[in-house]
Amino acid sequence: MRTIELKEPLNVNFSPRDVKFPKYLLPDTLGKAEAEEIAARYIIICQEKNKWDGISLRDFAESLDNDAKNIEEVSKETTTIILIDRWRMGGPNFAEIGFQYLNSGDFIRWEEKDGENYFLPTEKLLKAIEKYAS
């Protein structure tokens, strides 16, 4: 997964690995299930490096597509797979809905690097998920 470093550090006192939540679930955190699942997946990616980074939108979409192809295996790991199920069924553009909500609510911002679009967290997003940090 391609990432870019944040140019300015965010004012939060926890790292990605401090965040504990059921896989793909951040209920009652952002106000829209599609946005909450995108945020949960973002956190999981950041937990691998233990730092908040910007994530390639193309790589993120590819990871959703891979999960959709392996829906039965993924569904064993979680009780909700809102994005994956809708992705697989080709229904409403749930990822677009989630990203629009995150963007319009100032939970993420966008940056372009080398022709790639990256989404980056804002302090508002991290403050919203802080309740899951141990």
C-alpha atoms as a PDB file:
ATOM      1  CA  MET A   1       0.000   0.000   0.000  1.00  0.00           C
ATOM      2  CA  ARG A   2       1.503   3.307  -1.072  1.00  0.00           C
ATOM      3  CA  THR A   3       1.512   5.982   1.577  1.00  0.00           C
ATOM      4  CA  ILE A   4       2.793   9.511   2.027  1.00  0.00           C
ATOM      5  CA  GLU A   5       3.946  11.098   5.239  1.00  0.00           C
ATOM      6  CA  LEU A   6       1.966  13.883   6.807  1.00  0.00           C
ATOM      7  CA  LYS A   7       3.709  17.225   6.303  1.00  0.00           C
ATOM      8  CA  GLU A   8       2.594  18.503   9.681  1.00  0.00           C
ATOM      9  CA  PRO A   9       2.143  16.303  12.738  1.00  0.00           C
ATOM     10  CA  LEU A  10      -1.371  15.997  14.102  1.00  0.00           C
ATOM     11  CA  ASN A  11      -2.055  17.053  17.653  1.00  0.00           C
ATOM     12  CA  VAL A  12      -3.108  13.697  19.108  1.00  0.00           C
ATOM     13  CA  ASN A  13      -1.647  11.709  21.963  1.00  0.00           C
ATOM     14  CA  PHE A  14      -2.107   8.211  20.589  1.00  0.00           C
ATOM     15  CA  SER A  15      -0.710   6.096  17.790  1.00  0.00           C
ATOM     16  CA  PRO A  16      -2.588   3.835  15.364  1.00  0.00           C
ATOM     17  CA  ARG A  17      -1.701   0.751  17.409  1.00  0.00           C
ATOM     18  CA  ASP A  18      -3.341   2.297  20.466  1.00  0.00           C
ATOM     19  CA  VAL A  19      -6.716   2.154  18.699  1.00  0.00           C
ATOM     20  CA  LYS A  20      -8.719  -0.966  19.583  1.00  0.00           C
ATOM     21  CA  PHE A  21     -12.013  -1.705  17.829  1.00  0.00           C
ATOM     22  CA  PRO A  22     -13.888  -4.610  16.242  1.00  0.00           C
ATOM     23  CA  LYS A  23     -12.538  -5.137  12.715  1.00  0.00           C
ATOM     24  CA  TYR A  24     -14.068  -2.637  10.277  1.00  0.00           C
ATOM     25  CA  LEU A  25     -16.391  -1.200  12.959  1.00  0.00           C
ATOM     26  CA  LEU A  26     -16.410   2.294  14.436  1.00  0.00           C
ATOM     27  CA  PRO A  27     -20.089   2.506  15.399  1.00  0.00           C
ATOM     28  CA  ASP A  28     -21.611   5.849  16.336  1.00  0.00           C
ATOM     29  CA  THR A  29     -18.330   7.605  15.639  1.00  0.00           C
ATOM     30  CA  LEU A  30     -18.790   9.643  12.476  1.00  0.00           C
ATOM     31  CA  GLY A  31     -22.517   9.453  11.772  1.00  0.00           C
ATOM     32  CA  LYS A  32     -22.438   7.396   8.562  1.00  0.00           C
ATOM     33  CA  ALA A  33     -21.652   3.682   8.312  1.00  0.00           C
ATOM     34  CA  GLU A  34     -19.860   4.027   4.962  1.00  0.00           C
ATOM     35  CA  ALA A  35     -17.527   6.671   6.378  1.00  0.00           C
ATOM     36  CA  GLU A  36     -16.953   4.662   9.551  1.00  0.00           C
ATOM     37  CA  GLU A  37     -15.870   1.585   7.615  1.00  0.00           C
ATOM     38  CA  ILE A  38     -13.494   3.622   5.447  1.00  0.00           C
ATOM     39  CA  ALA A  39     -12.034   5.154   8.628  1.00  0.00           C
ATOM     40  CA  ALA A  40     -11.713   1.719  10.259  1.00  0.00           C
ATOM     41  CA  ARG A  41      -9.888   0.357   7.221  1.00  0.00           C
ATOM     42  CA  TYR A  42      -7.644   3.431   7.221  1.00  0.00           C
ATOM     43  CA  ILE A  43      -6.719   2.779  10.860  1.00  0.00           C
ATOM     44  CA  ILE A  44      -5.919  -0.880  10.119  1.00  0.00           C
ATOM     45  CA  ILE A  45      -3.526   0.197   7.357  1.00  0.00           C
ATOM     46  CA  CYS A  46      -1.841   2.731   9.644  1.00  0.00           C
ATOM     47  CA  GLN A  47      -1.522   0.156  12.424  1.00  0.00           C
ATOM     48  CA  GLU A  48       0.865  -1.845  10.219  1.00  0.00           C
ATOM     49  CA  LYS A  49       3.352   1.062  10.237  1.00  0.00           C
ATOM     50  CA  ASN A  50       2.215   2.496  13.575  1.00  0.00           C
ATOM     51  CA  LYS A  51       1.989   5.989  12.124  1.00  0.00           C
ATOM     52  CA  TRP A  52      -0.674   8.185  10.619  1.00  0.00           C
ATOM     53  CA  ASP A  53       0.004   8.500   6.879  1.00  0.00           C
ATOM     54  CA  GLY A  54      -1.842   9.446   3.742  1.00  0.00           C
ATOM     55  CA  ILE A  55      -3.102   6.422   1.807  1.00  0.00           C
ATOM     56  CA  SER A  56      -3.200   5.979  -1.967  1.00  0.00           C
ATOM     57  CA  LEU A  57      -6.814   6.036  -3.108  1.00  0.00           C
ATOM     58  CA  ARG A  58      -6.018   3.589  -5.909  1.00  0.00           C
ATOM     59  CA  ASP A  59      -4.390   1.106  -3.499  1.00  0.00           C
ATOM     60  CA  PHE A  60      -7.271   1.493  -1.068  1.00  0.00           C
ATOM     61  CA  ALA A  61      -9.784   0.730  -3.829  1.00  0.00           C
ATOM     62  CA  GLU A  62      -7.723  -2.290  -4.922  1.00  0.00           C
ATOM     63  CA  SER A  63      -7.760  -3.624  -1.358  1.00  0.00           C
ATOM     64  CA  LEU A  64     -11.566  -3.303  -1.314  1.00  0.00           C
ATOM     65  CA  ASP A  65     -11.751  -5.097  -4.632  1.00  0.00           C
ATOM     66  CA  ASN A  66      -9.511  -7.901  -3.319  1.00  0.00           C
ATOM     67  CA  ASP A  67     -11.674  -8.256  -0.227  1.00  0.00           C
ATOM     68  CA  ALA A  68     -14.786  -8.349  -2.411  1.00  0.00           C
ATOM     69  CA  LYS A  69     -13.286 -11.212  -4.401  1.00  0.00           C
ATOM     70  CA  ASN A  70     -12.622 -13.049  -1.135  1.00  0.00           C
ATOM     71  CA  ILE A  71     -15.880 -12.077   0.579  1.00  0.00           C
ATOM     72  CA  GLU A  72     -16.416 -15.395   2.297  1.00  0.00           C
ATOM     73  CA  GLU A  73     -12.961 -15.353   3.914  1.00  0.00           C
ATOM     74  CA  VAL A  74     -13.298 -11.696   4.919  1.00  0.00           C
ATOM     75  CA  SER A  75     -16.754 -12.275   6.403  1.00  0.00           C
ATOM     76  CA  LYS A  76     -15.248 -14.801   8.840  1.00  0.00           C
ATOM     77  CA  GLU A  77     -13.139 -11.991  10.307  1.00  0.00           C
ATOM     78  CA  THR A  78     -15.890  -9.458  10.972  1.00  0.00           C
ATOM     79  CA  THR A  79     -19.563  -9.068  11.670  1.00  0.00           C
ATOM     80  CA  THR A  80     -19.976  -6.205   9.217  1.00  0.00           C
ATOM     81  CA  ILE A  81     -18.726  -5.856   5.702  1.00  0.00           C
ATOM     82  CA  ILE A  82     -20.878  -3.014   4.455  1.00  0.00           C
ATOM     83  CA  LEU A  83     -18.412  -1.696   1.915  1.00  0.00           C
ATOM     84  CA  ILE A  84     -17.255  -5.065   0.657  1.00  0.00           C
ATOM     85  CA  ASP A  85     -20.761  -6.409   0.174  1.00  0.00           C
ATOM     86  CA  ARG A  86     -21.883  -3.331  -1.723  1.00  0.00           C
ATOM     87  CA  TRP A  87     -18.622  -3.263  -3.695  1.00  0.00           C
ATOM     88  CA  ARG A  88     -19.177  -6.864  -4.774  1.00  0.00           C
ATOM     89  CA  MET A  89     -22.814  -6.309  -5.669  1.00  0.00           C
ATOM     90  CA  GLY A  90     -22.012  -3.190  -7.686  1.00  0.00           C
ATOM     91  CA  GLY A  91     -24.718  -1.290  -5.850  1.00  0.00           C
ATOM     92  CA  PRO A  92     -24.641   2.378  -4.941  1.00  0.00           C
ATOM     93  CA  ASN A  93     -21.196   3.847  -4.890  1.00  0.00           C
ATOM     94  CA  PHE A  94     -20.834   3.381  -1.144  1.00  0.00           C
ATOM     95  CA  ALA A  95     -17.121   4.195  -1.122  1.00  0.00           C
ATOM     96  CA  GLU A  96     -17.835   7.459  -2.909  1.00  0.00           C
ATOM     97  CA  ILE A  97     -20.595   8.206  -0.394  1.00  0.00           C
ATOM     98  CA  GLY A  98     -18.216   7.491   2.478  1.00  0.00           C
ATOM     99  CA  PHE A  99     -15.395   9.590   1.051  1.00  0.00           C
ATOM    100  CA  GLN A 100     -17.765  12.471   0.245  1.00  0.00           C
ATOM    101  CA  TYR A 101     -19.027  12.400   3.827  1.00  0.00           C
ATOM    102  CA  LEU A 102     -15.485  12.298   5.243  1.00  0.00           C
ATOM    103  CA  ASN A 103     -14.390  15.104   2.932  1.00  0.00           C
ATOM    104  CA  SER A 104     -17.399  17.378   3.491  1.00  0.00           C
ATOM    105  CA  GLY A 105     -17.126  16.844   7.243  1.00  0.00           C
ATOM    106  CA  ASP A 106     -13.431  17.816   7.217  1.00  0.00           C
ATOM    107  CA  PHE A 107     -12.412  14.359   8.477  1.00  0.00           C
ATOM    108  CA  ILE A 108      -9.947  13.906   5.600  1.00  0.00           C
ATOM    109  CA  ARG A 109      -8.075  16.022   3.111  1.00  0.00           C
ATOM    110  CA  TRP A 110      -6.585  15.171  -0.268  1.00  0.00           C
ATOM    111  CA  GLU A 111      -3.098  15.460  -1.653  1.00  0.00           C
ATOM    112  CA  GLU A 112      -1.603  14.515  -5.000  1.00  0.00           C
ATOM    113  CA  LYS A 113       1.899  13.122  -5.377  1.00  0.00           C
ATOM    114  CA  ASP A 114       3.428  11.707  -8.559  1.00  0.00           C
ATOM    115  CA  GLY A 115       0.020  11.511 -10.215  1.00  0.00           C
ATOM    116  CA  GLU A 116      -1.526   9.565  -7.313  1.00  0.00           C
ATOM    117  CA  ASN A 117      -4.361  10.844  -5.113  1.00  0.00           C
ATOM    118  CA  TYR A 118      -3.917  10.272  -1.391  1.00  0.00           C
ATOM    119  CA  PHE A 119      -6.364  10.818   1.435  1.00  0.00           C
ATOM    120  CA  LEU A 120      -4.977  12.025   4.725  1.00  0.00           C
ATOM    121  CA  PRO A 121      -6.601  12.251   8.145  1.00  0.00           C
ATOM    122  CA  THR A 122      -7.369  15.510   9.843  1.00  0.00           C
ATOM    123  CA  GLU A 123      -7.265  16.096  13.578  1.00  0.00           C
ATOM    124  CA  LYS A 124     -11.062  16.011  13.501  1.00  0.00           C
ATOM    125  CA  LEU A 125     -11.027  12.387  12.331  1.00  0.00           C
ATOM    126  CA  LEU A 126      -8.447  11.333  14.887  1.00  0.00           C
ATOM    127  CA  LYS A 127     -10.274  13.139  17.691  1.00  0.00           C
ATOM    128  CA  ALA A 128     -13.452  11.266  16.709  1.00  0.00           C
ATOM    129  CA  ILE A 129     -11.722   7.882  16.983  1.00  0.00           C
ATOM    130  CA  GLU A 130      -9.757   8.757  20.118  1.00  0.00           C
ATOM    131  CA  LYS A 131     -12.369   7.035  22.276  1.00  0.00           C
ATOM    132  CA  TYR A 132     -11.065   3.722  20.900  1.00  0.00           C
ATOM    133  CA  ALA A 133      -7.466   4.449  21.928  1.00  0.00           C
ATOM    134  CA  SER A 134      -6.329   2.545  24.983  1.00  0.00           C
END
